[in-house]
Amino acid sequence: MYQDSSDSPVDSAPPAHSTTTVERGSFCLARCVCGWSGPARRARDRARTDAEQHRSSPGEPR
């Protein structure tokens, strides 16, 4: 498993939602310290978008 350190964290977020992207083979997924994990994506940009959407969503962790 390879973690791209240039994506960690996606912006400076409150501690409740600090996201990173993680690569698994040819897929990339977003993860958050709150326990949320996005779907596996082939495009890193899409995984980063998933992380940003999660980070900016109001309310409880998804």
N, C-alpha and C. Protein backbone atom coordinates (compact mmCIF):
# COMPACT_ATOMS: atom_id res chain seq x y z
N MET A 1 0.85 -1.16 0.00
CA MET A 1 0.00 0.00 0.00
C MET A 1 0.90 1.23 0.00
N TYR A 2 0.60 2.16 -0.87
CA TYR A 2 1.38 3.38 -1.01
C TYR A 2 0.51 4.58 -0.67
N GLN A 3 0.96 5.45 0.20
CA GLN A 3 0.23 6.66 0.54
C GLN A 3 0.97 7.85 -0.03
N ASP A 4 0.30 8.61 -0.85
CA ASP A 4 0.88 9.78 -1.49
C ASP A 4 0.94 10.92 -0.49
N SER A 5 2.13 11.24 -0.02
CA SER A 5 2.28 12.25 1.02
C SER A 5 1.92 13.65 0.53
N SER A 6 1.93 13.89 -0.79
CA SER A 6 1.55 15.20 -1.30
C SER A 6 0.05 15.44 -1.15
N ASP A 7 -0.72 14.39 -0.90
CA ASP A 7 -2.17 14.52 -0.74
C ASP A 7 -2.58 14.54 0.72
N SER A 8 -1.68 14.58 1.64
CA SER A 8 -1.99 14.37 3.04
C SER A 8 -1.73 15.61 3.86
N PRO A 9 -2.63 16.14 4.56
CA PRO A 9 -4.07 16.05 4.39
C PRO A 9 -4.55 16.95 3.26
N VAL A 10 -5.78 16.75 2.80
CA VAL A 10 -6.36 17.58 1.74
C VAL A 10 -6.80 18.87 2.41
N ASP A 11 -6.03 19.94 2.24
CA ASP A 11 -6.24 21.22 2.91
C ASP A 11 -6.08 21.05 4.42
N SER A 12 -6.12 22.16 5.11
CA SER A 12 -6.07 22.06 6.57
C SER A 12 -7.49 22.05 7.09
N ALA A 13 -7.91 20.90 7.55
CA ALA A 13 -9.28 20.69 8.00
C ALA A 13 -9.34 20.63 9.52
N PRO A 14 -10.53 20.82 10.05
CA PRO A 14 -10.66 20.58 11.49
C PRO A 14 -10.29 19.14 11.80
N PRO A 15 -9.79 18.85 12.99
CA PRO A 15 -9.35 17.50 13.32
C PRO A 15 -10.41 16.42 13.09
N ALA A 16 -11.69 16.77 13.12
CA ALA A 16 -12.75 15.79 12.94
C ALA A 16 -12.72 15.19 11.54
N HIS A 17 -12.25 15.93 10.54
CA HIS A 17 -12.22 15.45 9.17
C HIS A 17 -10.89 15.78 8.50
N SER A 18 -9.90 14.99 8.80
CA SER A 18 -8.59 15.13 8.16
C SER A 18 -8.47 13.99 7.16
N THR A 19 -8.48 14.32 5.87
CA THR A 19 -8.51 13.30 4.82
C THR A 19 -7.16 13.10 4.15
N THR A 20 -6.97 11.91 3.64
CA THR A 20 -5.79 11.55 2.86
C THR A 20 -6.25 10.67 1.70
N THR A 21 -5.37 10.46 0.74
CA THR A 21 -5.64 9.48 -0.31
C THR A 21 -4.66 8.34 -0.16
N VAL A 22 -5.14 7.14 -0.43
CA VAL A 22 -4.35 5.92 -0.30
C VAL A 22 -4.45 5.15 -1.60
N GLU A 23 -3.32 4.64 -2.09
CA GLU A 23 -3.33 3.84 -3.31
C GLU A 23 -3.27 2.37 -2.98
N ARG A 24 -4.10 1.60 -3.68
CA ARG A 24 -4.10 0.15 -3.58
C ARG A 24 -4.05 -0.40 -4.99
N GLY A 25 -2.88 -0.84 -5.39
CA GLY A 25 -2.72 -1.29 -6.77
C GLY A 25 -2.96 -0.15 -7.73
N SER A 26 -3.88 -0.36 -8.69
CA SER A 26 -4.17 0.70 -9.66
C SER A 26 -5.33 1.58 -9.22
N PHE A 27 -5.77 1.44 -7.98
CA PHE A 27 -6.88 2.24 -7.47
C PHE A 27 -6.41 3.20 -6.39
N CYS A 28 -7.17 4.27 -6.22
CA CYS A 28 -6.90 5.28 -5.21
C CYS A 28 -8.21 5.53 -4.46
N LEU A 29 -8.12 5.68 -3.15
CA LEU A 29 -9.33 5.99 -2.40
C LEU A 29 -9.03 7.02 -1.34
N ALA A 30 -10.06 7.74 -0.94
CA ALA A 30 -9.93 8.76 0.10
C ALA A 30 -10.31 8.15 1.44
N ARG A 31 -9.61 8.58 2.48
CA ARG A 31 -9.91 8.14 3.84
C ARG A 31 -9.89 9.34 4.76
N CYS A 32 -10.64 9.21 5.86
CA CYS A 32 -10.72 10.27 6.85
C CYS A 32 -10.45 9.69 8.23
N VAL A 33 -9.93 10.51 9.12
CA VAL A 33 -9.66 10.05 10.48
C VAL A 33 -10.94 9.72 11.24
N CYS A 34 -12.10 10.18 10.76
CA CYS A 34 -13.37 9.89 11.42
C CYS A 34 -13.86 8.48 11.10
N GLY A 35 -13.17 7.77 10.20
CA GLY A 35 -13.56 6.40 9.86
C GLY A 35 -14.17 6.26 8.48
N TRP A 36 -14.50 7.36 7.84
CA TRP A 36 -15.08 7.33 6.50
C TRP A 36 -14.04 6.90 5.47
N SER A 37 -14.48 6.17 4.47
CA SER A 37 -13.62 5.77 3.36
C SER A 37 -14.43 5.86 2.08
N GLY A 38 -13.87 6.52 1.09
CA GLY A 38 -14.56 6.68 -0.19
C GLY A 38 -14.39 5.45 -1.07
N PRO A 39 -15.10 5.45 -2.19
CA PRO A 39 -14.98 4.32 -3.12
C PRO A 39 -13.62 4.31 -3.81
N ALA A 40 -13.20 3.14 -4.25
CA ALA A 40 -11.93 3.01 -4.99
C ALA A 40 -12.11 3.66 -6.36
N ARG A 41 -11.15 4.48 -6.74
CA ARG A 41 -11.21 5.21 -8.02
C ARG A 41 -9.91 4.93 -8.78
N ARG A 42 -10.00 4.91 -10.09
CA ARG A 42 -8.79 4.81 -10.90
C ARG A 42 -8.12 6.18 -11.03
N ALA A 43 -8.90 7.23 -10.96
CA ALA A 43 -8.37 8.60 -11.09
C ALA A 43 -8.10 9.20 -9.71
N ARG A 44 -6.87 9.62 -9.48
CA ARG A 44 -6.52 10.24 -8.19
C ARG A 44 -7.32 11.52 -7.96
N ASP A 45 -7.53 12.28 -9.04
CA ASP A 45 -8.29 13.52 -8.91
C ASP A 45 -9.70 13.27 -8.39
N ARG A 46 -10.32 12.19 -8.82
CA ARG A 46 -11.68 11.87 -8.36
C ARG A 46 -11.66 11.48 -6.88
N ALA A 47 -10.64 10.76 -6.45
CA ALA A 47 -10.51 10.41 -5.04
C ALA A 47 -10.31 11.68 -4.20
N ARG A 48 -9.53 12.64 -4.71
CA ARG A 48 -9.34 13.91 -4.00
C ARG A 48 -10.65 14.68 -3.92
N THR A 49 -11.45 14.63 -4.98
CA THR A 49 -12.76 15.29 -4.99
C THR A 49 -13.68 14.64 -3.96
N ASP A 50 -13.65 13.31 -3.87
CA ASP A 50 -14.44 12.60 -2.86
C ASP A 50 -14.05 13.08 -1.46
N ALA A 51 -12.75 13.21 -1.22
CA ALA A 51 -12.25 13.66 0.08
C ALA A 51 -12.72 15.08 0.37
N GLU A 52 -12.63 15.95 -0.60
CA GLU A 52 -13.05 17.34 -0.42
C GLU A 52 -14.55 17.42 -0.15
N GLN A 53 -15.35 16.65 -0.85
CA GLN A 53 -16.79 16.65 -0.62
C GLN A 53 -17.11 16.14 0.78
N HIS A 54 -16.41 15.13 1.22
CA HIS A 54 -16.62 14.61 2.57
C HIS A 54 -16.24 15.66 3.61
N ARG A 55 -15.10 16.27 3.41
CA ARG A 55 -14.59 17.26 4.35
C ARG A 55 -15.52 18.46 4.48
N SER A 56 -16.14 18.87 3.38
CA SER A 56 -16.99 20.06 3.40
C SER A 56 -18.46 19.75 3.69
N SER A 57 -18.80 18.47 3.83
CA SER A 57 -20.20 18.12 4.12
C SER A 57 -20.51 18.38 5.58
N PRO A 58 -21.65 19.03 5.83
CA PRO A 58 -22.04 19.30 7.22
C PRO A 58 -22.59 18.05 7.89
N GLY A 59 -22.57 18.06 9.19
CA GLY A 59 -23.21 16.96 9.93
C GLY A 59 -22.27 15.84 10.29
N GLU A 60 -22.86 14.70 10.58
CA GLU A 60 -22.14 13.52 11.03
C GLU A 60 -21.29 12.92 9.91
N PRO A 61 -20.26 12.14 10.27
CA PRO A 61 -19.47 11.43 9.25
C PRO A 61 -20.34 10.47 8.46
N ARG A 62 -20.03 10.36 7.17
CA ARG A 62 -20.79 9.45 6.31
C ARG A 62 -20.25 8.07 6.39
